[in-house]
Amino acid sequence: MQFKTQLVVLGAKSSKGEYNGRPFNSTTVFYQAQLQEGENFAGQVGSEYKWGTSDNFEKIKNQKFPFMADCTLEQVSNGKTTVTILKELTPVPQPK
């Protein structure tokens, strides 16, 4: 299931290389999220989504962080666990 939303992007991290003979290549995007409501919770927190390969990091590394972005997310499951994956991220133009 895919859906669109806007996120406040706080930062991003590129990872590419090899570990124990296995290649890895990914981008992690950190975004602003609301804490759940409750007596012992208040405010916001940074959370993360995986966003494809390290090539995606190159698309946003020169943005001024934090920034707003239009995003497409997808929920996928292996039958036990559901994960949300960032499919598309487009920075919203900032007013000048």
N, C-alpha and C. Protein backbone atom coordinates (compact mmCIF):
# COMPACT_ATOMS: atom_id res chain seq x y z
N MET A 1 0.84 -1.17 0.00
CA MET A 1 0.00 0.00 0.00
C MET A 1 0.89 1.24 0.00
N GLN A 2 0.69 2.12 -0.97
CA GLN A 2 1.45 3.37 -1.05
C GLN A 2 0.57 4.53 -0.61
N PHE A 3 1.23 5.54 -0.01
CA PHE A 3 0.53 6.77 0.36
C PHE A 3 1.50 7.93 0.32
N LYS A 4 0.94 9.14 0.19
CA LYS A 4 1.75 10.36 0.11
C LYS A 4 1.60 11.16 1.39
N THR A 5 2.67 11.85 1.77
CA THR A 5 2.66 12.71 2.95
C THR A 5 3.79 13.72 2.82
N GLN A 6 3.77 14.73 3.69
CA GLN A 6 4.89 15.66 3.78
C GLN A 6 5.65 15.35 5.06
N LEU A 7 6.98 15.42 4.97
CA LEU A 7 7.84 15.18 6.12
C LEU A 7 8.79 16.35 6.31
N VAL A 8 9.17 16.60 7.56
CA VAL A 8 10.27 17.50 7.85
C VAL A 8 11.52 16.63 7.90
N VAL A 9 12.41 16.79 6.93
CA VAL A 9 13.62 15.99 6.85
C VAL A 9 14.70 16.67 7.69
N LEU A 10 15.18 15.96 8.71
CA LEU A 10 16.18 16.49 9.63
C LEU A 10 17.60 16.22 9.15
N GLY A 11 17.79 15.13 8.43
CA GLY A 11 19.13 14.76 7.97
C GLY A 11 19.08 13.47 7.17
N ALA A 12 20.23 13.05 6.67
CA ALA A 12 20.31 11.82 5.88
C ALA A 12 21.70 11.23 6.03
N LYS A 13 21.79 9.91 5.81
CA LYS A 13 23.05 9.20 5.94
C LYS A 13 23.18 8.21 4.80
N SER A 14 24.35 8.20 4.17
CA SER A 14 24.65 7.27 3.10
C SER A 14 25.54 6.16 3.65
N SER A 15 25.25 4.91 3.27
CA SER A 15 26.08 3.77 3.68
C SER A 15 26.34 2.91 2.46
N LYS A 16 27.62 2.69 2.18
CA LYS A 16 27.98 1.86 1.04
C LYS A 16 29.31 1.20 1.33
N GLY A 17 29.39 -0.09 1.07
CA GLY A 17 30.64 -0.80 1.30
C GLY A 17 30.41 -2.29 1.35
N GLU A 18 31.26 -2.95 2.14
CA GLU A 18 31.20 -4.39 2.28
C GLU A 18 31.47 -4.76 3.73
N TYR A 19 30.72 -5.71 4.26
CA TYR A 19 30.93 -6.17 5.63
C TYR A 19 30.85 -7.69 5.64
N ASN A 20 31.90 -8.32 6.11
CA ASN A 20 31.98 -9.79 6.13
C ASN A 20 31.69 -10.40 4.76
N GLY A 21 32.19 -9.74 3.72
CA GLY A 21 32.04 -10.25 2.37
C GLY A 21 30.70 -9.96 1.72
N ARG A 22 29.83 -9.24 2.42
CA ARG A 22 28.52 -8.91 1.85
C ARG A 22 28.43 -7.42 1.56
N PRO A 23 28.04 -7.07 0.33
CA PRO A 23 27.92 -5.65 0.00
C PRO A 23 26.67 -5.04 0.64
N PHE A 24 26.77 -3.75 0.98
CA PHE A 24 25.61 -2.99 1.44
C PHE A 24 25.63 -1.64 0.76
N ASN A 25 24.44 -1.06 0.55
CA ASN A 25 24.31 0.20 -0.17
C ASN A 25 22.93 0.77 0.14
N SER A 26 22.87 1.82 0.97
CA SER A 26 21.56 2.36 1.36
C SER A 26 21.66 3.83 1.75
N THR A 27 20.49 4.46 1.78
CA THR A 27 20.35 5.81 2.33
C THR A 27 19.31 5.74 3.43
N THR A 28 19.61 6.37 4.56
CA THR A 28 18.67 6.50 5.66
C THR A 28 18.31 7.97 5.79
N VAL A 29 17.01 8.25 5.84
CA VAL A 29 16.51 9.62 6.00
C VAL A 29 15.94 9.75 7.40
N PHE A 30 16.36 10.79 8.11
CA PHE A 30 15.86 11.06 9.45
C PHE A 30 14.82 12.17 9.36
N TYR A 31 13.66 11.95 9.98
CA TYR A 31 12.56 12.89 9.87
C TYR A 31 11.96 13.19 11.24
N GLN A 32 11.23 14.29 11.32
CA GLN A 32 10.59 14.72 12.55
C GLN A 32 9.27 13.98 12.72
N ALA A 33 9.06 13.37 13.89
CA ALA A 33 7.84 12.62 14.15
C ALA A 33 7.26 13.02 15.51
N GLN A 34 5.95 12.95 15.62
CA GLN A 34 5.27 13.23 16.88
C GLN A 34 5.42 12.03 17.81
N LEU A 35 5.66 12.29 19.08
CA LEU A 35 5.59 11.21 20.06
C LEU A 35 4.13 10.84 20.28
N GLN A 36 3.90 9.60 20.65
CA GLN A 36 2.52 9.18 20.91
C GLN A 36 1.94 9.98 22.07
N GLU A 37 0.63 10.12 22.07
CA GLU A 37 -0.02 10.85 23.15
C GLU A 37 -0.06 9.98 24.39
N GLY A 38 0.09 10.63 25.53
CA GLY A 38 0.01 9.89 26.80
C GLY A 38 0.59 10.71 27.92
N GLU A 39 0.38 10.24 29.11
CA GLU A 39 0.80 10.95 30.31
C GLU A 39 2.31 11.14 30.37
N ASN A 40 3.06 10.19 29.85
CA ASN A 40 4.51 10.23 29.96
C ASN A 40 5.21 10.62 28.66
N PHE A 41 4.47 11.20 27.71
CA PHE A 41 5.04 11.59 26.43
C PHE A 41 4.70 13.03 26.12
N ALA A 42 5.66 13.75 25.54
CA ALA A 42 5.41 15.12 25.11
C ALA A 42 6.42 15.48 24.02
N GLY A 43 5.95 16.19 23.01
CA GLY A 43 6.86 16.73 22.00
C GLY A 43 7.06 15.86 20.79
N GLN A 44 8.28 15.96 20.24
CA GLN A 44 8.61 15.31 18.98
C GLN A 44 9.92 14.56 19.10
N VAL A 45 10.18 13.74 18.11
CA VAL A 45 11.37 12.90 18.12
C VAL A 45 11.86 12.76 16.68
N GLY A 46 13.10 12.40 16.50
CA GLY A 46 13.61 12.06 15.18
C GLY A 46 13.47 10.56 14.96
N SER A 47 12.96 10.18 13.79
CA SER A 47 12.83 8.77 13.44
C SER A 47 13.45 8.58 12.06
N GLU A 48 13.41 7.38 11.53
CA GLU A 48 14.11 7.15 10.26
C GLU A 48 13.35 6.22 9.33
N TYR A 49 13.60 6.43 8.03
CA TYR A 49 13.12 5.55 6.97
C TYR A 49 14.31 5.19 6.09
N LYS A 50 14.33 3.97 5.57
CA LYS A 50 15.29 3.60 4.53
C LYS A 50 14.78 4.14 3.21
N TRP A 51 15.72 4.62 2.36
CA TRP A 51 15.35 5.19 1.07
C TRP A 51 16.31 4.70 -0.01
N GLY A 52 16.15 3.48 -0.44
CA GLY A 52 16.92 2.95 -1.56
C GLY A 52 18.42 2.95 -1.34
N THR A 53 19.15 3.18 -2.42
CA THR A 53 20.61 3.10 -2.40
C THR A 53 21.25 4.44 -2.03
N SER A 54 22.56 4.43 -1.90
CA SER A 54 23.31 5.65 -1.57
C SER A 54 23.20 6.70 -2.66
N ASP A 55 22.76 6.32 -3.85
CA ASP A 55 22.54 7.30 -4.92
C ASP A 55 21.50 8.34 -4.50
N ASN A 56 20.51 7.94 -3.71
CA ASN A 56 19.49 8.88 -3.26
C ASN A 56 20.06 9.96 -2.34
N PHE A 57 21.08 9.61 -1.56
CA PHE A 57 21.73 10.60 -0.70
C PHE A 57 22.28 11.75 -1.54
N GLU A 58 22.84 11.42 -2.70
CA GLU A 58 23.41 12.44 -3.58
C GLU A 58 22.36 13.46 -4.03
N LYS A 59 21.10 13.04 -4.11
CA LYS A 59 20.02 13.93 -4.56
C LYS A 59 19.69 15.02 -3.55
N ILE A 60 19.99 14.79 -2.26
CA ILE A 60 19.57 15.76 -1.23
C ILE A 60 20.71 16.27 -0.35
N LYS A 61 21.92 15.80 -0.55
CA LYS A 61 23.00 16.15 0.37
C LYS A 61 23.30 17.64 0.42
N ASN A 62 22.97 18.39 -0.62
CA ASN A 62 23.26 19.83 -0.63
C ASN A 62 22.07 20.68 -0.21
N GLN A 63 20.99 20.06 0.23
CA GLN A 63 19.83 20.80 0.76
C GLN A 63 20.22 21.45 2.08
N LYS A 64 19.53 22.53 2.42
CA LYS A 64 19.70 23.14 3.73
C LYS A 64 18.75 22.42 4.69
N PHE A 65 19.32 21.70 5.65
CA PHE A 65 18.52 20.93 6.61
C PHE A 65 18.16 21.79 7.81
N PRO A 66 17.00 21.58 8.41
CA PRO A 66 15.90 20.71 7.99
C PRO A 66 15.14 21.33 6.83
N PHE A 67 14.41 20.48 6.08
CA PHE A 67 13.58 20.98 4.98
C PHE A 67 12.31 20.13 4.87
N MET A 68 11.28 20.71 4.26
CA MET A 68 10.03 20.00 4.00
C MET A 68 10.17 19.22 2.70
N ALA A 69 9.55 18.04 2.65
CA ALA A 69 9.60 17.22 1.44
C ALA A 69 8.26 16.53 1.21
N ASP A 70 7.87 16.45 -0.06
CA ASP A 70 6.74 15.63 -0.46
C ASP A 70 7.26 14.21 -0.63
N CYS A 71 6.60 13.25 0.01
CA CYS A 71 7.11 11.89 0.03
C CYS A 71 6.05 10.87 -0.34
N THR A 72 6.50 9.80 -0.97
CA THR A 72 5.66 8.63 -1.20
C THR A 72 6.24 7.51 -0.35
N LEU A 73 5.39 6.92 0.49
CA LEU A 73 5.79 5.83 1.37
C LEU A 73 5.04 4.57 0.97
N GLU A 74 5.62 3.42 1.30
CA GLU A 74 4.95 2.15 1.02
C GLU A 74 5.09 1.23 2.22
N GLN A 75 3.97 0.63 2.62
CA GLN A 75 4.00 -0.36 3.68
C GLN A 75 4.10 -1.74 3.04
N VAL A 76 5.09 -2.52 3.48
CA VAL A 76 5.28 -3.87 2.97
C VAL A 76 5.38 -4.83 4.16
N SER A 77 5.07 -6.09 3.92
CA SER A 77 5.08 -7.07 5.00
C SER A 77 5.68 -8.37 4.51
N ASN A 78 6.30 -9.10 5.43
CA ASN A 78 6.80 -10.44 5.13
C ASN A 78 5.85 -11.50 5.70
N GLY A 79 4.68 -11.07 6.16
CA GLY A 79 3.72 -11.98 6.76
C GLY A 79 3.70 -11.91 8.27
N LYS A 80 4.81 -11.42 8.86
CA LYS A 80 4.90 -11.25 10.31
C LYS A 80 5.05 -9.79 10.69
N THR A 81 5.93 -9.11 10.00
CA THR A 81 6.28 -7.74 10.34
C THR A 81 5.95 -6.81 9.19
N THR A 82 5.42 -5.63 9.52
CA THR A 82 5.15 -4.60 8.52
C THR A 82 6.19 -3.50 8.64
N VAL A 83 6.74 -3.08 7.51
CA VAL A 83 7.77 -2.05 7.46
C VAL A 83 7.31 -0.96 6.50
N THR A 84 7.61 0.30 6.84
CA THR A 84 7.32 1.41 5.94
C THR A 84 8.60 1.83 5.25
N ILE A 85 8.56 1.90 3.93
CA ILE A 85 9.73 2.24 3.11
C ILE A 85 9.46 3.56 2.40
N LEU A 86 10.46 4.42 2.38
CA LEU A 86 10.39 5.67 1.63
C LEU A 86 10.69 5.37 0.17
N LYS A 87 9.72 5.63 -0.72
CA LYS A 87 9.89 5.33 -2.14
C LYS A 87 10.37 6.55 -2.93
N GLU A 88 9.79 7.73 -2.63
CA GLU A 88 10.14 8.97 -3.34
C GLU A 88 10.21 10.11 -2.34
N LEU A 89 11.14 11.03 -2.58
CA LEU A 89 11.29 12.22 -1.74
C LEU A 89 11.62 13.40 -2.65
N THR A 90 10.79 14.43 -2.60
CA THR A 90 11.00 15.63 -3.40
C THR A 90 10.98 16.84 -2.48
N PRO A 91 12.12 17.54 -2.34
CA PRO A 91 12.12 18.73 -1.49
C PRO A 91 11.09 19.76 -1.97
N VAL A 92 10.39 20.37 -1.02
CA VAL A 92 9.43 21.43 -1.33
C VAL A 92 10.24 22.71 -1.50
N PRO A 93 10.07 23.44 -2.61
CA PRO A 93 10.82 24.70 -2.80
C PRO A 93 10.57 25.67 -1.65
N GLN A 94 11.66 26.26 -1.16
CA GLN A 94 11.58 27.21 -0.06
C GLN A 94 11.29 28.60 -0.61
N PRO A 95 10.43 29.37 0.09
CA PRO A 95 10.19 30.75 -0.35
C PRO A 95 11.47 31.57 -0.23
N LYS A 96 11.65 32.49 -1.15
CA LYS A 96 12.88 33.31 -1.14
C LYS A 96 12.64 34.65 -0.51
